[in-house]
Amino acid sequence: VLVPTAVTITQKPIAAKKEHGMGRARDADDGAGPTTTVFVGNISEKASDMLVRQLLAKCGIVLSWKRVQGASGKLQFGFCEYKEPESTLRALRLLHELLLGDKKLLVKVDAKTKAQLEEWKAKRRSAN
């Protein structure tokens, strides 16, 4: 019940932002790009779903968070979809190997997402 409320709260400022008169030029300056998905693995059993979601939200706007059961039947990993590539890069930089409970988080992206991030970074560099 708490998770959908958090999603609604984080999404409301986005809608308000798009309604401003600045339009696309402002969105480009804010780092808008493709939504990207991050794999979050090696999650401690001691870490609640809400705690992991809050950690992910510290890196940027989370569009969705799905925690998945591993082969053992326990919730061990999940997938986080971020609104902006900048958030994904921040999560990779800050959360990978972060000690959470008794385990270090594994935060990574697949090859396709990695290529998208590299392309987005190159566009940002050329725009600046």
C-alpha atoms as a PDB file:
ATOM      1  CA  VAL A   1       0.000   0.000   0.000  1.00  0.00           C
ATOM      2  CA  LEU A   2       2.869   2.386   0.765  1.00  0.00           C
ATOM      3  CA  VAL A   3       4.730   1.804  -2.508  1.00  0.00           C
ATOM      4  CA  PRO A   4       1.984   3.114  -4.879  1.00  0.00           C
ATOM      5  CA  THR A   5       1.657   6.235  -2.715  1.00  0.00           C
ATOM      6  CA  ALA A   6       5.398   6.874  -3.068  1.00  0.00           C
ATOM      7  CA  VAL A   7       5.170   6.465  -6.848  1.00  0.00           C
ATOM      8  CA  THR A   8       2.300   8.955  -7.045  1.00  0.00           C
ATOM      9  CA  ILE A   9       4.199  11.483  -4.955  1.00  0.00           C
ATOM     10  CA  THR A  10       7.352  11.256  -7.068  1.00  0.00           C
ATOM     11  CA  GLN A  11       5.433  11.493 -10.332  1.00  0.00           C
ATOM     12  CA  LYS A  12       3.361  14.600  -9.515  1.00  0.00           C
ATOM     13  CA  PRO A  13       6.281  17.068  -9.771  1.00  0.00           C
ATOM     14  CA  ILE A  14       7.135  15.655 -13.199  1.00  0.00           C
ATOM     15  CA  ALA A  15       3.703  16.497 -14.601  1.00  0.00           C
ATOM     16  CA  ALA A  16       3.852  19.988 -13.126  1.00  0.00           C
ATOM     17  CA  LYS A  17       7.304  20.519 -14.622  1.00  0.00           C
ATOM     18  CA  LYS A  18       6.158  19.592 -18.137  1.00  0.00           C
ATOM     19  CA  GLU A  19       3.340  22.122 -17.990  1.00  0.00           C
ATOM     20  CA  HIS A  20       5.737  25.049 -17.604  1.00  0.00           C
ATOM     21  CA  GLY A  21       6.189  27.274 -20.637  1.00  0.00           C
ATOM     22  CA  MET A  22       9.849  26.321 -21.136  1.00  0.00           C
ATOM     23  CA  GLY A  23       8.987  23.228 -23.212  1.00  0.00           C
ATOM     24  CA  ARG A  24      11.508  20.844 -24.727  1.00  0.00           C
ATOM     25  CA  ALA A  25      14.548  23.078 -24.415  1.00  0.00           C
ATOM     26  CA  ARG A  26      14.259  22.964 -20.644  1.00  0.00           C
ATOM     27  CA  ASP A  27      13.787  19.190 -20.632  1.00  0.00           C
ATOM     28  CA  ALA A  28      16.996  18.762 -22.628  1.00  0.00           C
ATOM     29  CA  ASP A  29      18.875  20.919 -20.125  1.00  0.00           C
ATOM     30  CA  ASP A  30      17.497  18.865 -17.248  1.00  0.00           C
ATOM     31  CA  GLY A  31      19.089  15.717 -18.675  1.00  0.00           C
ATOM     32  CA  ALA A  32      15.960  14.115 -20.085  1.00  0.00           C
ATOM     33  CA  GLY A  33      16.676  10.970 -22.008  1.00  0.00           C
ATOM     34  CA  PRO A  34      15.435   7.415 -22.343  1.00  0.00           C
ATOM     35  CA  THR A  35      14.117   5.598 -19.298  1.00  0.00           C
ATOM     36  CA  THR A  36      16.629   3.009 -18.154  1.00  0.00           C
ATOM     37  CA  THR A  37      16.427  -0.135 -16.062  1.00  0.00           C
ATOM     38  CA  VAL A  38      18.963  -1.147 -13.430  1.00  0.00           C
ATOM     39  CA  PHE A  39      19.452  -4.641 -12.029  1.00  0.00           C
ATOM     40  CA  VAL A  40      19.839  -4.652  -8.243  1.00  0.00           C
ATOM     41  CA  GLY A  41      21.128  -7.941  -6.891  1.00  0.00           C
ATOM     42  CA  ASN A  42      22.612  -9.518  -3.792  1.00  0.00           C
ATOM     43  CA  ILE A  43      20.008  -7.818  -1.587  1.00  0.00           C
ATOM     44  CA  SER A  44      20.192  -8.857   2.040  1.00  0.00           C
ATOM     45  CA  GLU A  45      17.165 -10.641   3.471  1.00  0.00           C
ATOM     46  CA  LYS A  46      17.365  -8.120   6.313  1.00  0.00           C
ATOM     47  CA  ALA A  47      16.691  -5.212   3.922  1.00  0.00           C
ATOM     48  CA  SER A  48      13.012  -4.400   3.530  1.00  0.00           C
ATOM     49  CA  ASP A  49      11.557  -3.659   0.135  1.00  0.00           C
ATOM     50  CA  MET A  50      10.784  -0.101   1.255  1.00  0.00           C
ATOM     51  CA  LEU A  51      14.387   0.487   2.380  1.00  0.00           C
ATOM     52  CA  VAL A  52      15.771  -0.616  -0.988  1.00  0.00           C
ATOM     53  CA  ARG A  53      13.227   1.559  -2.806  1.00  0.00           C
ATOM     54  CA  GLN A  54      14.171   4.586  -0.682  1.00  0.00           C
ATOM     55  CA  LEU A  55      17.852   4.030  -1.469  1.00  0.00           C
ATOM     56  CA  LEU A  56      17.076   3.856  -5.180  1.00  0.00           C
ATOM     57  CA  ALA A  57      14.955   7.009  -4.954  1.00  0.00           C
ATOM     58  CA  LYS A  58      17.951   8.910  -3.529  1.00  0.00           C
ATOM     59  CA  CYS A  59      19.564   8.553  -6.965  1.00  0.00           C
ATOM     60  CA  GLY A  60      16.619   9.889  -8.964  1.00  0.00           C
ATOM     61  CA  ILE A  61      12.985   9.488  -9.939  1.00  0.00           C
ATOM     62  CA  VAL A  62      11.955   5.828  -9.779  1.00  0.00           C
ATOM     63  CA  LEU A  63       9.217   4.944 -12.262  1.00  0.00           C
ATOM     64  CA  SER A  64       8.978   1.345 -11.081  1.00  0.00           C
ATOM     65  CA  TRP A  65      10.646  -1.067  -8.656  1.00  0.00           C
ATOM     66  CA  LYS A  66      10.019  -4.798  -8.844  1.00  0.00           C
ATOM     67  CA  ARG A  67      11.629  -7.173  -6.380  1.00  0.00           C
ATOM     68  CA  VAL A  68      11.855 -10.751  -7.635  1.00  0.00           C
ATOM     69  CA  GLN A  69      12.160 -14.123  -5.930  1.00  0.00           C
ATOM     70  CA  GLY A  70      15.380 -15.972  -6.596  1.00  0.00           C
ATOM     71  CA  ALA A  71      15.735 -19.709  -7.136  1.00  0.00           C
ATOM     72  CA  SER A  72      15.726 -20.210  -3.365  1.00  0.00           C
ATOM     73  CA  GLY A  73      12.257 -18.631  -3.130  1.00  0.00           C
ATOM     74  CA  LYS A  74      13.566 -15.605  -1.242  1.00  0.00           C
ATOM     75  CA  LEU A  75      13.473 -11.996  -2.432  1.00  0.00           C
ATOM     76  CA  GLN A  76      17.079 -11.527  -3.552  1.00  0.00           C
ATOM     77  CA  PHE A  77      17.102  -9.124  -6.496  1.00  0.00           C
ATOM     78  CA  GLY A  78      15.011  -6.626  -8.409  1.00  0.00           C
ATOM     79  CA  PHE A  79      14.727  -4.203 -11.287  1.00  0.00           C
ATOM     80  CA  CYS A  80      14.476  -0.441 -10.968  1.00  0.00           C
ATOM     81  CA  GLU A  81      13.332   1.763 -13.839  1.00  0.00           C
ATOM     82  CA  TYR A  82      14.569   5.342 -13.672  1.00  0.00           C
ATOM     83  CA  LYS A  83      13.039   8.269 -15.520  1.00  0.00           C
ATOM     84  CA  GLU A  84      16.397   9.715 -16.586  1.00  0.00           C
ATOM     85  CA  PRO A  85      19.792   8.278 -17.556  1.00  0.00           C
ATOM     86  CA  GLU A  86      21.488  10.585 -15.030  1.00  0.00           C
ATOM     87  CA  SER A  87      19.688   8.709 -12.232  1.00  0.00           C
ATOM     88  CA  THR A  88      20.886   5.372 -13.563  1.00  0.00           C
ATOM     89  CA  LEU A  89      24.482   6.575 -13.724  1.00  0.00           C
ATOM     90  CA  ARG A  90      24.196   7.892 -10.166  1.00  0.00           C
ATOM     91  CA  ALA A  91      22.822   4.552  -8.923  1.00  0.00           C
ATOM     92  CA  LEU A  92      25.647   2.655 -10.628  1.00  0.00           C
ATOM     93  CA  ARG A  93      28.222   4.979  -9.098  1.00  0.00           C
ATOM     94  CA  LEU A  94      26.816   5.235  -5.562  1.00  0.00           C
ATOM     95  CA  LEU A  95      24.936   2.019  -4.826  1.00  0.00           C
ATOM     96  CA  HIS A  96      27.127  -0.664  -6.442  1.00  0.00           C
ATOM     97  CA  GLU A  97      28.925  -2.574  -3.659  1.00  0.00           C
ATOM     98  CA  LEU A  98      27.135  -0.548  -0.966  1.00  0.00           C
ATOM     99  CA  LEU A  99      27.033  -2.611   2.218  1.00  0.00           C
ATOM    100  CA  LEU A 100      23.384  -3.145   3.086  1.00  0.00           C
ATOM    101  CA  GLY A 101      22.851  -5.394   6.072  1.00  0.00           C
ATOM    102  CA  ASP A 102      25.220  -8.322   5.674  1.00  0.00           C
ATOM    103  CA  LYS A 103      25.733  -8.099   1.878  1.00  0.00           C
ATOM    104  CA  LYS A 104      27.136  -5.717  -0.716  1.00  0.00           C
ATOM    105  CA  LEU A 105      24.603  -4.639  -3.334  1.00  0.00           C
ATOM    106  CA  LEU A 106      25.230  -5.533  -6.958  1.00  0.00           C
ATOM    107  CA  VAL A 107      23.975  -2.741  -9.226  1.00  0.00           C
ATOM    108  CA  LYS A 108      24.450  -3.085 -12.983  1.00  0.00           C
ATOM    109  CA  VAL A 109      22.852  -2.595 -16.395  1.00  0.00           C
ATOM    110  CA  ASP A 110      22.692  -4.815 -19.467  1.00  0.00           C
ATOM    111  CA  ALA A 111      24.724  -4.183 -22.634  1.00  0.00           C
ATOM    112  CA  LYS A 112      21.868  -2.407 -24.438  1.00  0.00           C
ATOM    113  CA  THR A 113      21.325   0.003 -21.545  1.00  0.00           C
ATOM    114  CA  LYS A 114      25.074   0.558 -21.245  1.00  0.00           C
ATOM    115  CA  ALA A 115      25.165   1.559 -24.925  1.00  0.00           C
ATOM    116  CA  GLN A 116      22.192   3.919 -24.392  1.00  0.00           C
ATOM    117  CA  LEU A 117      23.980   5.534 -21.447  1.00  0.00           C
ATOM    118  CA  GLU A 118      27.188   6.013 -23.443  1.00  0.00           C
ATOM    119  CA  GLU A 119      25.233   7.581 -26.315  1.00  0.00           C
ATOM    120  CA  TRP A 120      23.382   9.859 -23.891  1.00  0.00           C
ATOM    121  CA  LYS A 121      26.662  10.942 -22.231  1.00  0.00           C
ATOM    122  CA  ALA A 122      28.177  11.717 -25.646  1.00  0.00           C
ATOM    123  CA  LYS A 123      25.161  13.871 -26.571  1.00  0.00           C
ATOM    124  CA  ARG A 124      25.418  15.702 -23.246  1.00  0.00           C
ATOM    125  CA  ARG A 125      29.130  16.388 -23.788  1.00  0.00           C
ATOM    126  CA  SER A 126      28.559  17.733 -27.295  1.00  0.00           C
ATOM    127  CA  ALA A 127      25.673  19.922 -26.075  1.00  0.00           C
ATOM    128  CA  ASN A 128      27.861  21.440 -23.365  1.00  0.00           C
END
